[in-house]
N, C-alpha and C. Protein backbone atom coordinates (compact mmCIF):
# COMPACT_ATOMS: atom_id res chain seq x y z
N UNK A 1 85.96 83.75 45.83
CA UNK A 1 86.73 84.96 45.97
C UNK A 1 88.01 84.62 46.70
N UNK A 2 89.10 85.08 46.16
CA UNK A 2 90.40 84.92 46.82
C UNK A 2 90.88 86.30 47.21
N UNK A 3 91.35 86.41 48.42
CA UNK A 3 91.81 87.70 48.91
C UNK A 3 93.08 87.51 49.71
N UNK A 4 94.13 88.17 49.27
CA UNK A 4 95.35 88.21 50.07
C UNK A 4 95.21 89.42 50.96
N UNK A 5 95.07 89.18 52.24
CA UNK A 5 94.72 90.27 53.11
C UNK A 5 95.83 90.87 53.94
N UNK A 6 96.70 90.04 54.46
CA UNK A 6 97.72 90.58 55.35
C UNK A 6 99.02 89.80 55.18
N UNK A 7 100.08 90.47 55.43
CA UNK A 7 101.40 89.83 55.44
C UNK A 7 101.82 89.80 56.91
N UNK A 8 101.63 88.66 57.54
CA UNK A 8 101.86 88.55 58.97
C UNK A 8 103.20 87.87 59.27
N UNK A 9 103.85 88.29 60.33
CA UNK A 9 105.14 87.69 60.70
C UNK A 9 105.00 86.21 61.07
N UNK A 10 105.90 85.41 60.56
CA UNK A 10 105.94 83.97 60.84
C UNK A 10 105.95 83.71 62.34
N UNK A 11 106.73 84.52 63.07
CA UNK A 11 106.92 84.29 64.50
C UNK A 11 105.62 84.34 65.30
N UNK A 12 104.61 85.04 64.83
CA UNK A 12 103.33 85.10 65.54
C UNK A 12 102.59 83.77 65.55
N UNK A 13 102.88 82.91 64.59
CA UNK A 13 102.11 81.69 64.42
C UNK A 13 102.83 80.42 64.87
N UNK A 14 104.10 80.51 65.17
CA UNK A 14 104.91 79.32 65.45
C UNK A 14 104.40 78.54 66.66
N UNK A 15 104.13 79.22 67.74
CA UNK A 15 103.77 78.53 68.98
C UNK A 15 102.42 77.83 68.91
N UNK A 16 101.39 78.52 68.39
CA UNK A 16 100.04 77.95 68.31
C UNK A 16 99.39 78.42 67.01
N UNK A 17 99.76 77.77 65.93
CA UNK A 17 99.34 78.17 64.59
C UNK A 17 97.82 78.21 64.45
N UNK A 18 97.14 77.18 64.92
CA UNK A 18 95.69 77.09 64.76
C UNK A 18 94.98 78.27 65.43
N UNK A 19 95.31 78.54 66.68
CA UNK A 19 94.67 79.63 67.42
C UNK A 19 94.98 80.98 66.79
N UNK A 20 96.23 81.19 66.45
CA UNK A 20 96.60 82.48 65.86
C UNK A 20 95.97 82.68 64.49
N UNK A 21 95.86 81.61 63.70
CA UNK A 21 95.22 81.72 62.40
C UNK A 21 93.76 82.14 62.56
N UNK A 22 93.06 81.52 63.50
CA UNK A 22 91.65 81.87 63.75
C UNK A 22 91.52 83.32 64.24
N UNK A 23 92.44 83.75 65.12
CA UNK A 23 92.40 85.14 65.60
C UNK A 23 92.65 86.11 64.45
N UNK A 24 93.62 85.81 63.61
CA UNK A 24 93.92 86.68 62.47
C UNK A 24 92.73 86.74 61.52
N UNK A 25 92.10 85.59 61.28
CA UNK A 25 90.92 85.54 60.42
C UNK A 25 89.80 86.40 60.99
N UNK A 26 89.56 86.27 62.28
CA UNK A 26 88.50 87.05 62.93
C UNK A 26 88.79 88.56 62.82
N UNK A 27 90.02 88.95 63.08
CA UNK A 27 90.38 90.37 62.99
C UNK A 27 90.29 90.87 61.56
N UNK A 28 90.62 90.03 60.61
CA UNK A 28 90.53 90.41 59.21
C UNK A 28 89.08 90.65 58.82
N UNK A 29 88.19 89.75 59.22
CA UNK A 29 86.77 89.93 58.92
C UNK A 29 86.21 91.19 59.59
N UNK A 30 86.62 91.44 60.82
CA UNK A 30 86.20 92.66 61.51
C UNK A 30 86.66 93.89 60.74
N UNK A 31 87.86 93.83 60.23
CA UNK A 31 88.40 94.95 59.46
C UNK A 31 87.62 95.18 58.17
N UNK A 32 87.27 94.10 57.48
CA UNK A 32 86.47 94.23 56.25
C UNK A 32 85.10 94.80 56.58
N UNK A 33 84.51 94.32 57.66
CA UNK A 33 83.15 94.72 58.02
C UNK A 33 83.01 96.21 58.33
N UNK A 34 84.08 96.85 58.70
CA UNK A 34 83.97 98.29 58.99
C UNK A 34 83.61 99.10 57.75
N UNK A 35 83.78 98.52 56.57
CA UNK A 35 83.51 99.23 55.32
C UNK A 35 82.20 98.77 54.65
N UNK A 36 81.53 97.80 55.25
CA UNK A 36 80.34 97.23 54.64
C UNK A 36 79.08 97.62 55.40
N UNK A 37 77.96 97.65 54.69
CA UNK A 37 76.66 97.94 55.32
C UNK A 37 76.21 96.78 56.21
N UNK A 38 76.51 95.55 55.77
CA UNK A 38 76.13 94.35 56.52
C UNK A 38 77.37 93.48 56.67
N UNK A 39 77.44 92.70 57.73
CA UNK A 39 78.62 91.85 57.93
C UNK A 39 78.83 90.88 56.77
N UNK A 40 80.06 90.74 56.35
CA UNK A 40 80.38 89.84 55.24
C UNK A 40 80.02 88.40 55.57
N UNK A 41 80.03 88.06 56.83
CA UNK A 41 79.70 86.69 57.25
C UNK A 41 78.32 86.27 56.77
N UNK A 42 77.41 87.24 56.60
CA UNK A 42 76.05 86.93 56.12
C UNK A 42 76.04 86.50 54.65
N UNK A 43 77.13 86.77 53.94
CA UNK A 43 77.22 86.42 52.52
C UNK A 43 77.98 85.12 52.28
N UNK A 44 78.56 84.57 53.32
CA UNK A 44 79.41 83.38 53.17
C UNK A 44 78.61 82.10 53.30
N UNK A 45 78.98 81.11 52.52
CA UNK A 45 78.38 79.78 52.66
C UNK A 45 78.80 79.20 54.00
N UNK A 46 77.95 78.33 54.53
CA UNK A 46 78.23 77.69 55.81
C UNK A 46 78.51 76.21 55.57
N UNK A 47 79.60 75.73 56.16
CA UNK A 47 79.98 74.32 56.02
C UNK A 47 79.10 73.44 56.92
N UNK A 48 79.19 72.15 56.74
CA UNK A 48 78.41 71.20 57.55
C UNK A 48 78.66 71.34 59.04
N UNK A 49 79.88 71.75 59.40
CA UNK A 49 80.19 71.90 60.83
C UNK A 49 79.71 73.23 61.40
N UNK A 50 79.03 74.04 60.57
CA UNK A 50 78.46 75.29 61.04
C UNK A 50 79.38 76.49 60.92
N UNK A 51 80.61 76.26 60.47
CA UNK A 51 81.55 77.38 60.32
C UNK A 51 81.46 77.95 58.91
N UNK A 52 81.78 79.25 58.78
CA UNK A 52 81.78 79.84 57.44
C UNK A 52 82.82 79.16 56.54
N UNK A 53 82.53 79.10 55.26
CA UNK A 53 83.45 78.50 54.29
C UNK A 53 84.55 79.50 53.96
N UNK A 54 85.54 79.52 54.82
CA UNK A 54 86.70 80.38 54.66
C UNK A 54 87.93 79.52 54.78
N UNK A 55 88.87 79.73 53.89
CA UNK A 55 90.15 79.05 53.99
C UNK A 55 91.21 80.10 54.27
N UNK A 56 91.80 80.02 55.43
CA UNK A 56 92.86 80.95 55.81
C UNK A 56 94.18 80.20 55.88
N UNK A 57 95.23 80.86 55.45
CA UNK A 57 96.56 80.27 55.51
C UNK A 57 97.49 81.21 56.26
N UNK A 58 98.18 80.68 57.22
CA UNK A 58 99.17 81.45 57.96
C UNK A 58 100.53 81.24 57.28
N UNK A 59 101.51 82.04 57.67
CA UNK A 59 102.85 81.80 57.14
C UNK A 59 103.35 80.37 57.43
N UNK A 60 102.99 79.82 58.58
CA UNK A 60 103.38 78.44 58.92
C UNK A 60 102.74 77.47 57.93
N UNK A 61 101.45 77.67 57.62
CA UNK A 61 100.75 76.81 56.65
C UNK A 61 101.39 76.89 55.27
N UNK A 62 101.75 78.09 54.86
CA UNK A 62 102.36 78.28 53.54
C UNK A 62 103.73 77.60 53.49
N UNK A 63 104.51 77.72 54.55
CA UNK A 63 105.81 77.05 54.57
C UNK A 63 105.63 75.54 54.51
N UNK A 64 104.67 75.00 55.28
CA UNK A 64 104.42 73.55 55.28
C UNK A 64 103.95 73.05 53.93
N UNK A 65 103.05 73.78 53.29
CA UNK A 65 102.47 73.32 52.03
C UNK A 65 103.36 73.55 50.82
N UNK A 66 104.07 74.67 50.80
CA UNK A 66 104.82 75.05 49.60
C UNK A 66 106.33 75.08 49.78
N UNK A 67 106.78 74.95 51.03
CA UNK A 67 108.22 74.98 51.29
C UNK A 67 108.82 76.36 51.20
N UNK A 68 108.01 77.40 51.20
CA UNK A 68 108.53 78.77 51.15
C UNK A 68 109.00 79.15 52.55
N UNK A 69 110.25 79.52 52.66
CA UNK A 69 110.85 79.82 53.95
C UNK A 69 110.01 80.84 54.72
N UNK A 70 109.61 80.47 55.90
CA UNK A 70 108.79 81.29 56.79
C UNK A 70 107.49 81.75 56.13
N UNK A 71 107.05 81.02 55.11
CA UNK A 71 105.78 81.34 54.47
C UNK A 71 105.76 82.68 53.78
N UNK A 72 106.93 83.21 53.46
CA UNK A 72 107.01 84.54 52.87
C UNK A 72 106.80 84.43 51.36
N UNK A 73 105.61 84.79 50.90
CA UNK A 73 105.29 84.67 49.47
C UNK A 73 106.06 85.66 48.63
N UNK A 74 106.69 86.64 49.27
CA UNK A 74 107.49 87.62 48.54
C UNK A 74 108.96 87.23 48.48
N UNK A 75 109.32 86.04 48.96
CA UNK A 75 110.69 85.53 48.99
C UNK A 75 111.56 86.24 50.02
N UNK A 76 111.30 87.49 50.22
CA UNK A 76 112.12 88.31 51.09
C UNK A 76 111.30 89.54 51.46
N UNK A 77 111.65 90.20 52.52
CA UNK A 77 110.93 91.42 52.88
C UNK A 77 111.28 92.53 51.90
N UNK A 78 110.32 93.38 51.56
CA UNK A 78 110.62 94.51 50.68
C UNK A 78 111.72 95.39 51.28
N UNK A 79 112.54 95.96 50.42
CA UNK A 79 113.63 96.81 50.87
C UNK A 79 113.54 98.17 50.18
N UNK A 80 114.30 99.11 50.68
CA UNK A 80 114.30 100.45 50.09
C UNK A 80 114.87 100.40 48.67
N UNK A 81 114.46 101.31 47.80
CA UNK A 81 114.91 101.28 46.40
C UNK A 81 116.29 101.91 46.17
N UNK A 82 117.09 102.02 47.21
CA UNK A 82 118.43 102.58 47.04
C UNK A 82 119.44 101.68 47.75
N UNK A 83 120.70 101.84 47.43
CA UNK A 83 121.76 101.03 48.03
C UNK A 83 121.78 101.26 49.54
N UNK A 84 121.86 100.17 50.28
CA UNK A 84 121.87 100.27 51.73
C UNK A 84 123.27 100.10 52.32
N UNK A 85 124.23 99.73 51.50
CA UNK A 85 125.60 99.56 51.96
C UNK A 85 126.57 99.91 50.85
N UNK A 86 127.83 100.16 51.24
CA UNK A 86 128.84 100.56 50.25
C UNK A 86 129.02 99.53 49.15
N UNK A 87 128.89 98.25 49.49
CA UNK A 87 129.08 97.20 48.48
C UNK A 87 127.99 97.21 47.42
N UNK A 88 126.86 97.85 47.70
CA UNK A 88 125.75 97.91 46.75
C UNK A 88 125.80 99.15 45.85
N UNK A 89 126.57 100.13 46.23
CA UNK A 89 126.65 101.37 45.44
C UNK A 89 127.17 101.05 44.04
N UNK A 90 126.51 101.58 43.03
CA UNK A 90 126.93 101.35 41.64
C UNK A 90 126.38 100.08 41.04
N UNK A 91 125.54 99.36 41.78
CA UNK A 91 124.90 98.16 41.25
C UNK A 91 123.40 98.40 41.17
N UNK A 92 122.72 97.53 40.44
CA UNK A 92 121.26 97.61 40.35
C UNK A 92 120.59 96.78 41.43
N UNK A 93 121.35 95.97 42.16
CA UNK A 93 120.77 95.12 43.20
C UNK A 93 120.15 93.85 42.67
N UNK A 94 120.42 93.52 41.42
CA UNK A 94 119.82 92.34 40.78
C UNK A 94 120.88 91.32 40.38
N UNK A 95 122.14 91.66 40.60
CA UNK A 95 123.25 90.83 40.16
C UNK A 95 123.28 89.50 40.92
N UNK A 96 123.74 88.47 40.23
CA UNK A 96 123.95 87.16 40.85
C UNK A 96 125.40 86.74 40.60
N UNK A 97 125.77 85.60 41.10
CA UNK A 97 127.13 85.11 40.88
C UNK A 97 127.32 84.59 39.45
N UNK A 98 126.24 84.50 38.69
CA UNK A 98 126.30 83.97 37.32
C UNK A 98 126.23 85.11 36.30
N UNK A 99 127.10 85.03 35.30
CA UNK A 99 127.13 86.05 34.26
C UNK A 99 125.79 86.09 33.52
N UNK A 100 125.25 87.27 33.37
CA UNK A 100 124.01 87.52 32.62
C UNK A 100 122.78 86.82 33.20
N UNK A 101 122.81 86.51 34.48
CA UNK A 101 121.63 86.00 35.20
C UNK A 101 121.33 87.00 36.30
N UNK A 102 120.12 87.56 36.29
CA UNK A 102 119.77 88.63 37.22
C UNK A 102 118.46 88.32 37.93
N UNK A 103 118.36 88.75 39.17
CA UNK A 103 117.10 88.66 39.91
C UNK A 103 116.16 89.72 39.35
N UNK A 104 114.89 89.37 39.21
CA UNK A 104 113.93 90.39 38.77
C UNK A 104 112.67 90.37 39.62
N UNK A 105 112.73 89.67 40.75
CA UNK A 105 111.58 89.59 41.66
C UNK A 105 111.98 90.00 43.06
N UNK A 106 111.22 89.52 44.00
CA UNK A 106 111.40 89.94 45.39
C UNK A 106 112.73 89.51 46.00
N UNK A 107 113.47 88.65 45.35
CA UNK A 107 114.78 88.24 45.87
C UNK A 107 115.86 89.28 45.58
N UNK A 108 115.55 90.27 44.75
CA UNK A 108 116.52 91.32 44.46
C UNK A 108 116.75 92.15 45.72
N UNK A 109 117.86 92.90 45.73
CA UNK A 109 118.21 93.68 46.92
C UNK A 109 117.34 94.91 47.12
N UNK A 110 116.73 95.40 46.08
CA UNK A 110 115.94 96.63 46.21
C UNK A 110 114.51 96.37 45.74
N UNK A 111 113.58 96.92 46.48
CA UNK A 111 112.18 96.78 46.12
C UNK A 111 111.59 95.53 46.72
N UNK A 112 110.84 94.80 45.93
CA UNK A 112 110.23 93.58 46.40
C UNK A 112 108.71 93.68 46.40
N UNK A 113 108.11 92.58 46.83
CA UNK A 113 106.66 92.44 46.84
C UNK A 113 106.13 92.74 45.43
N UNK A 114 105.21 93.65 45.30
CA UNK A 114 104.66 93.99 43.99
C UNK A 114 105.05 95.41 43.58
N UNK A 115 106.21 95.86 44.02
CA UNK A 115 106.64 97.23 43.75
C UNK A 115 107.05 97.46 42.31
N UNK A 116 107.49 96.43 41.61
CA UNK A 116 107.97 96.58 40.24
C UNK A 116 109.42 97.03 40.17
N UNK A 117 109.99 97.42 41.30
CA UNK A 117 111.37 97.93 41.32
C UNK A 117 112.37 96.87 40.84
N UNK A 118 112.29 95.62 41.33
CA UNK A 118 113.28 94.64 40.86
C UNK A 118 113.21 94.38 39.35
N UNK A 119 112.02 94.34 38.79
CA UNK A 119 111.90 94.14 37.35
C UNK A 119 112.49 95.29 36.56
N UNK A 120 112.22 96.49 36.99
CA UNK A 120 112.80 97.67 36.35
C UNK A 120 114.32 97.63 36.44
N UNK A 121 114.83 97.35 37.63
CA UNK A 121 116.28 97.31 37.82
C UNK A 121 116.93 96.20 37.00
N UNK A 122 116.27 95.05 36.89
CA UNK A 122 116.81 93.97 36.06
C UNK A 122 116.84 94.39 34.59
N UNK A 123 115.79 95.06 34.13
CA UNK A 123 115.77 95.54 32.75
C UNK A 123 116.89 96.55 32.51
N UNK A 124 117.10 97.43 33.47
CA UNK A 124 118.17 98.42 33.34
C UNK A 124 119.54 97.74 33.31
N UNK A 125 119.70 96.69 34.09
CA UNK A 125 120.96 95.95 34.10
C UNK A 125 121.17 95.26 32.75
N UNK A 126 120.14 94.68 32.19
CA UNK A 126 120.24 94.04 30.88
C UNK A 126 120.65 95.08 29.83
N UNK A 127 120.03 96.24 29.84
CA UNK A 127 120.38 97.30 28.89
C UNK A 127 121.82 97.76 29.09
N UNK A 128 122.25 97.83 30.34
CA UNK A 128 123.64 98.21 30.65
C UNK A 128 124.62 97.18 30.08
N UNK A 129 124.31 95.91 30.26
CA UNK A 129 125.18 94.84 29.75
C UNK A 129 125.21 94.87 28.23
N UNK A 130 124.05 95.05 27.62
CA UNK A 130 123.99 95.10 26.14
C UNK A 130 124.79 96.29 25.60
N UNK A 131 124.69 97.42 26.26
CA UNK A 131 125.41 98.62 25.81
C UNK A 131 126.93 98.46 25.94
N UNK A 132 127.34 97.68 26.92
CA UNK A 132 128.78 97.50 27.14
C UNK A 132 129.36 96.40 26.25
N UNK A 133 128.47 95.65 25.56
CA UNK A 133 128.94 94.60 24.67
C UNK A 133 129.38 93.33 25.37
N UNK A 134 129.02 93.14 26.63
CA UNK A 134 129.44 91.93 27.37
C UNK A 134 128.74 90.69 26.90
């Protein structure tokens, strides 16, 4: 079973990644257990060292393993679905410096994560470009 449980700030893990990862894991299991009849730990396989077979990754671990800045799997923090500054007004928030190349994921200016907003906005920008004949 794979479970993406929390989006935790990188800064919480920088000083002592190992300890903070274990604390986050423990709090996550406690949170899951509040909804279960029996503790989930009773369902987990146990490793030779006696610990449950759980693999937890902190933002520090993700940055180290995958090179994602601050371990942010969303590329960027989600943003509001509307223009936040005058320079963004009248744009879809997906434009790049390259003609006909648009962001459609979390790197776009609006939306992010799994909101679907950047993909919708990129599609709207493509339709706008096609309608204008560019």
